[in-house]
Amino acid sequence: MLTIVASMEHEVAGLRRGLNALSAQAPGPLPPVDVQVIGIGKKESQKRVMALLERRRPSMTGDLGPDGLLLVGFAGAVDTRLPTGALCLSTRYYRAAQAEEISPISGAGDASGGQPDFTGDFIEPDQRMWQQSVDAACEAGVRISHLDSLTVDCLVSGAQEKASLGQSYPVGLVNMEDYWVAAAAAEAGVPFLSARVILDTSNQTLPAYLAGLAGSPLRPILAAVFMPWRIPALIQLGLQFHLARAVLTRFALSYIQYIRGLPESVGSTPGPAATSVGVN
């Protein structure tokens, strides 16, 4: 069984609707796809993924093996070439260095703009899943970036912070789960892939209150009612959110159809994916 996980329900709400449409249009019963929300950051995501894989262990011993674990979600860009809506299929998932791991001489990065002495551990995706994802994205007309991702410990909201990370690590995007979920999958012997779509661009500073709005769909509405000066920022983020989720949904459905051998016309939905710009 293919298992798809995301840190927030908002990231997979469109996918759930698409899967329902896919099942309704298919000529026969489809192999099941399990969609789970695992939470934000290392502690929540790794704990829930490890528990999920442990429950699935008895069913992953057949001749065909597991279909794999696909992590989907939004990410922030640290590379200036990545716009909102860009699909990123990274070939390495880096882990940001902890303070005690950084050389006291080099610090977080070279003063000349070169790479630091410590670029963090990294884990690579399953090559079969990665190639399938590339093929599926091409069939769906979604352009791809292969820039690598960096897993960080907290929300990276400022443009200067993004620029610093982009100079310190060989990556193009940041999130809070890739490395830790990949590590859990590797420990369980399960093929893994992360597919990220850019939400906020490298030169965009996110509002400090954004983290507090992520947990409930009602919180942004209440914030707009009681603090109307936040409305312009919320509207802009809302537009970016809808674009990013449309691309993410389009890709995920295409990936499912591709690995199941279904024609792209079954369950396909038009979306703004063609407006995203790929960076190799």
Protein backbone atom coordinates (compact mmCIF):
# COMPACT_ATOMS: atom_id res chain seq x y z
CA MET A 1 0.00 0.00 0.00
CA LEU A 2 1.23 3.46 -0.86
CA THR A 3 1.24 5.70 2.20
CA ILE A 4 1.16 9.47 1.73
CA VAL A 5 1.94 11.68 4.71
CA ALA A 6 1.88 15.43 5.28
CA SER A 7 2.54 17.68 8.23
CA MET A 8 -0.82 19.50 7.98
CA GLU A 9 -4.30 18.55 6.81
CA HIS A 10 -4.38 21.70 4.65
CA GLU A 11 -1.67 20.17 2.45
CA VAL A 12 -3.65 17.03 1.58
CA ALA A 13 -7.26 18.26 1.62
CA GLY A 14 -7.23 18.63 -2.16
CA LEU A 15 -5.64 15.21 -2.55
CA ARG A 16 -8.39 13.56 -0.50
CA ARG A 17 -11.03 15.10 -2.76
CA GLY A 18 -9.08 14.03 -5.82
CA LEU A 19 -8.81 10.45 -4.58
CA ASN A 20 -12.57 10.32 -4.11
CA ALA A 21 -13.05 11.50 -7.69
CA LEU A 22 -10.44 9.03 -8.91
CA SER A 23 -12.24 6.13 -7.25
CA ALA A 24 -15.58 7.23 -8.68
CA GLN A 25 -14.24 7.41 -12.25
CA ALA A 26 -12.09 4.27 -12.23
CA PRO A 27 -13.49 1.25 -14.11
CA GLY A 28 -12.87 -1.02 -11.12
CA PRO A 29 -11.68 -0.99 -7.52
CA LEU A 30 -8.36 0.75 -6.98
CA PRO A 31 -5.54 -0.39 -4.70
CA PRO A 32 -5.85 1.56 -1.46
CA VAL A 33 -3.85 4.69 -0.76
CA ASP A 34 -3.46 5.71 2.86
CA VAL A 35 -3.23 9.45 3.58
CA GLN A 36 -2.07 10.46 7.05
CA VAL A 37 -1.25 13.73 8.84
CA ILE A 38 1.91 13.41 10.95
CA GLY A 39 2.38 16.85 12.49
CA ILE A 40 5.02 19.54 12.19
CA GLY A 41 8.71 19.16 13.03
CA LYS A 42 10.96 16.33 14.18
CA LYS A 43 9.23 15.21 17.36
CA GLU A 44 5.71 14.84 16.02
CA SER A 45 6.46 13.69 12.48
CA GLN A 46 9.08 11.09 13.35
CA LYS A 47 7.08 9.65 16.24
CA ARG A 48 3.92 9.27 14.17
CA VAL A 49 5.71 7.90 11.12
CA MET A 50 7.58 5.32 13.19
CA ALA A 51 4.31 4.20 14.79
CA LEU A 52 2.63 4.07 11.38
CA LEU A 53 5.39 1.96 9.85
CA GLU A 54 5.45 -0.35 12.84
CA ARG A 55 1.73 -1.03 12.42
CA ARG A 56 2.27 -1.71 8.72
CA ARG A 57 5.26 -4.02 9.19
CA PRO A 58 3.28 -7.29 8.91
CA SER A 59 1.84 -6.18 5.55
CA MET A 60 5.23 -5.18 4.11
CA THR A 61 6.67 -8.69 3.81
CA GLY A 62 5.01 -9.80 0.56
CA ASP A 63 6.82 -10.53 -2.70
CA LEU A 64 6.12 -7.07 -4.06
CA GLY A 65 7.27 -5.27 -0.95
CA PRO A 66 5.91 -1.90 0.14
CA ASP A 67 4.79 0.73 -2.33
CA GLY A 68 6.69 3.23 -0.26
CA LEU A 69 6.21 6.32 1.85
CA LEU A 70 5.57 9.61 0.06
CA LEU A 71 5.85 12.84 2.05
CA VAL A 72 4.08 15.78 0.43
CA GLY A 73 3.85 19.35 1.61
CA PHE A 74 4.82 22.98 1.34
CA ALA A 75 8.30 24.42 1.70
CA GLY A 76 10.01 27.79 1.85
CA ALA A 77 12.44 28.80 -0.88
CA VAL A 78 15.99 29.88 -0.11
CA ASP A 79 16.99 29.91 -3.78
CA THR A 80 15.89 33.08 -5.58
CA ARG A 81 14.94 31.11 -8.71
CA LEU A 82 12.13 29.20 -7.00
CA PRO A 83 8.68 30.83 -7.27
CA THR A 84 5.52 29.95 -5.42
CA GLY A 85 4.12 26.76 -6.97
CA ALA A 86 7.45 25.23 -7.99
CA LEU A 87 7.52 21.44 -7.48
CA CYS A 88 10.75 20.29 -5.85
CA LEU A 89 11.87 16.65 -6.08
CA SER A 90 15.12 16.85 -4.15
CA THR A 91 17.94 14.33 -4.51
CA ARG A 92 19.26 14.97 -0.99
CA TYR A 93 17.57 15.83 2.29
CA TYR A 94 20.03 17.73 4.46
CA ARG A 95 19.80 18.21 8.20
CA ALA A 96 20.73 21.64 9.55
CA ALA A 97 23.75 21.61 11.84
CA GLN A 98 23.24 22.04 15.55
CA ALA A 99 25.23 24.74 17.34
CA GLU A 100 27.69 22.24 18.82
CA GLU A 101 28.39 20.76 15.36
CA ILE A 102 29.48 24.00 13.72
CA SER A 103 33.16 24.81 13.57
CA PRO A 104 33.98 27.79 15.84
CA ILE A 105 36.35 29.01 13.15
CA SER A 106 34.06 28.85 10.17
CA GLY A 107 30.79 29.56 12.00
CA ALA A 108 27.61 29.04 10.03
CA GLY A 109 29.23 29.91 6.74
CA ASP A 110 32.29 31.25 5.00
CA ALA A 111 32.60 35.05 5.08
CA SER A 112 33.38 35.01 1.37
CA GLY A 113 30.07 33.31 0.65
CA GLY A 114 31.47 29.80 0.17
CA GLN A 115 30.24 26.62 1.78
CA PRO A 116 30.76 26.06 5.52
CA ASP A 117 32.96 23.29 6.90
CA PHE A 118 29.84 21.43 8.04
CA THR A 119 26.96 21.05 5.60
CA GLY A 120 24.94 18.61 7.69
CA ASP A 121 24.03 14.99 7.27
CA PHE A 122 21.87 14.05 4.32
CA ILE A 123 19.66 11.18 3.23
CA GLU A 124 18.79 10.36 -0.37
CA PRO A 125 15.37 9.33 -1.71
CA ASP A 126 14.55 5.91 -3.09
CA GLN A 127 15.73 6.06 -6.70
CA ARG A 128 12.80 4.09 -8.10
CA MET A 129 10.26 6.36 -6.41
CA TRP A 130 12.23 9.44 -7.44
CA GLN A 131 12.26 8.42 -11.11
CA GLN A 132 8.57 7.55 -10.97
CA SER A 133 7.84 10.98 -9.51
CA VAL A 134 9.78 12.70 -12.28
CA ASP A 135 7.93 10.73 -14.94
CA ALA A 136 4.57 11.40 -13.27
CA ALA A 137 5.25 15.13 -13.01
CA CYS A 138 6.20 15.26 -16.68
CA GLU A 139 3.00 13.45 -17.66
CA ALA A 140 1.00 15.95 -15.61
CA GLY A 141 2.76 18.91 -17.17
CA VAL A 142 4.32 20.00 -13.88
CA ARG A 143 7.82 21.43 -14.24
CA ILE A 144 10.33 20.23 -11.70
CA SER A 145 13.21 21.51 -9.62
CA HIS A 146 15.80 19.06 -8.31
CA LEU A 147 17.30 21.46 -5.77
CA ASP A 148 18.00 19.82 -2.43
CA SER A 149 16.13 20.48 0.80
CA LEU A 150 17.25 21.44 4.28
CA THR A 151 15.39 20.26 7.37
CA VAL A 152 15.39 22.91 10.09
CA ASP A 153 14.16 22.99 13.69
CA CYS A 154 11.81 25.98 13.49
CA LEU A 155 9.90 28.14 11.04
CA VAL A 156 12.24 30.15 8.80
CA SER A 157 10.27 33.32 8.25
CA GLY A 158 12.73 36.09 7.39
CA ALA A 159 14.31 36.85 4.02
CA GLN A 160 17.72 37.41 5.62
CA GLU A 161 17.54 34.08 7.44
CA LYS A 162 16.64 32.34 4.19
CA ALA A 163 19.55 34.00 2.41
CA SER A 164 21.95 32.90 5.16
CA LEU A 165 20.79 29.29 4.93
CA GLY A 166 21.06 29.39 1.16
CA GLN A 167 24.68 30.51 1.47
CA SER A 168 25.51 28.00 4.21
CA TYR A 169 24.06 24.85 2.66
CA PRO A 170 23.87 23.46 -0.89
CA VAL A 171 20.06 23.61 -0.90
CA GLY A 172 17.20 25.49 -2.50
CA LEU A 173 14.37 25.01 -0.01
CA VAL A 174 13.66 24.49 3.69
CA ASN A 175 11.10 22.55 5.69
CA MET A 176 10.87 20.86 9.09
CA GLU A 177 10.30 17.18 8.28
CA ASP A 178 12.14 15.73 5.26
CA TYR A 179 15.28 14.45 6.99
CA TRP A 180 13.51 13.03 10.03
CA VAL A 181 10.80 11.19 8.08
CA ALA A 182 13.43 9.89 5.64
CA ALA A 183 15.46 8.61 8.61
CA ALA A 184 12.44 6.80 10.05
CA ALA A 185 11.68 5.21 6.68
CA ALA A 186 15.30 4.12 6.24
CA GLU A 187 15.32 2.51 9.68
CA ALA A 188 12.17 0.57 8.77
CA GLY A 189 13.52 -0.39 5.34
CA VAL A 190 10.71 1.42 3.52
CA PRO A 191 11.28 3.30 0.22
CA PHE A 192 10.88 7.05 0.75
CA LEU A 193 10.40 10.18 -1.31
CA SER A 194 9.59 13.78 -0.45
CA ALA A 195 7.73 16.03 -2.88
CA ARG A 196 7.58 19.70 -1.89
CA VAL A 197 5.89 22.70 -3.46
CA ILE A 198 7.18 26.19 -2.73
CA LEU A 199 4.81 28.35 -0.70
CA ASP A 200 6.87 31.40 0.32
CA THR A 201 9.69 32.72 -1.85
CA SER A 202 13.23 33.51 -0.76
CA ASN A 203 12.71 37.28 -0.61
CA GLN A 204 9.43 37.01 1.29
CA THR A 205 9.27 37.61 5.03
CA LEU A 206 6.44 35.71 6.67
CA PRO A 207 4.43 37.39 9.45
CA ALA A 208 5.63 36.42 12.92
CA TYR A 209 2.11 35.39 13.89
CA LEU A 210 1.86 32.82 11.06
CA ALA A 211 2.94 29.86 13.19
CA GLY A 212 0.02 30.45 15.53
CA LEU A 213 -2.46 30.35 12.65
CA ALA A 214 -1.40 26.98 11.25
CA GLY A 215 -3.40 24.73 13.53
CA SER A 216 -6.98 25.71 12.70
CA PRO A 217 -8.78 26.97 9.58
CA LEU A 218 -10.72 29.40 11.80
CA ARG A 219 -7.69 31.19 13.20
CA PRO A 220 -6.89 33.24 10.06
CA ILE A 221 -10.54 34.35 9.94
CA LEU A 222 -10.50 35.43 13.58
CA ALA A 223 -7.17 37.19 13.04
CA ALA A 224 -8.66 39.16 10.15
CA VAL A 225 -11.75 40.11 12.17
CA PHE A 226 -9.96 41.27 15.29
CA MET A 227 -6.73 42.53 13.67
CA PRO A 228 -7.73 43.86 10.24
CA TRP A 229 -4.27 45.28 9.53
CA ARG A 230 -3.21 41.68 8.91
CA ILE A 231 -5.66 41.25 6.04
CA PRO A 232 -3.28 42.17 3.13
CA ALA A 233 -0.66 39.68 4.28
CA LEU A 234 -3.29 36.99 4.83
CA ILE A 235 -4.77 37.58 1.36
CA GLN A 236 -1.36 37.28 -0.28
CA LEU A 237 -0.57 34.10 1.62
CA GLY A 238 -4.01 32.77 0.76
CA LEU A 239 -3.38 33.22 -2.96
CA GLN A 240 0.00 31.54 -2.65
CA PHE A 241 -1.53 28.73 -0.60
CA HIS A 242 -4.17 27.92 -3.22
CA LEU A 243 -1.57 27.86 -6.01
CA ALA A 244 0.81 25.66 -4.02
CA ARG A 245 -1.91 23.23 -3.00
CA ALA A 246 -3.22 22.97 -6.56
CA VAL A 247 0.23 22.00 -7.83
CA LEU A 248 0.78 19.58 -4.95
CA THR A 249 -2.59 17.91 -5.55
CA ARG A 250 -2.03 17.67 -9.29
CA PHE A 251 1.36 16.02 -8.79
CA ALA A 252 0.22 13.59 -6.10
CA LEU A 253 -2.74 12.38 -8.16
CA SER A 254 -0.53 12.00 -11.21
CA TYR A 255 1.98 9.99 -9.18
CA ILE A 256 -0.74 7.64 -7.92
CA GLN A 257 -2.10 7.18 -11.43
CA TYR A 258 1.39 6.59 -12.81
CA ILE A 259 2.39 3.85 -10.38
CA ARG A 260 -1.04 2.20 -10.74
CA GLY A 261 -0.86 2.26 -14.53
CA LEU A 262 -3.96 4.43 -14.88
CA PRO A 263 -4.42 6.85 -17.79
CA GLU A 264 -3.86 10.48 -16.87
CA SER A 265 -7.40 11.36 -17.94
CA VAL A 266 -8.87 9.28 -15.10
CA GLY A 267 -9.42 11.56 -12.14
CA SER A 268 -7.26 14.31 -13.58
CA THR A 269 -8.14 17.86 -12.68
CA PRO A 270 -6.94 21.04 -14.37
CA GLY A 271 -4.78 23.25 -12.25
CA PRO A 272 -2.32 26.15 -12.42
CA ALA A 273 0.70 23.83 -12.43
CA ALA A 274 1.84 25.05 -15.82
CA THR A 275 2.52 28.49 -14.36
CA SER A 276 5.22 27.17 -12.05
CA VAL A 277 8.83 27.51 -13.18
CA GLY A 278 11.15 24.53 -12.81
CA VAL A 279 14.79 24.89 -11.77
CA ASN A 280 17.17 22.00 -12.36
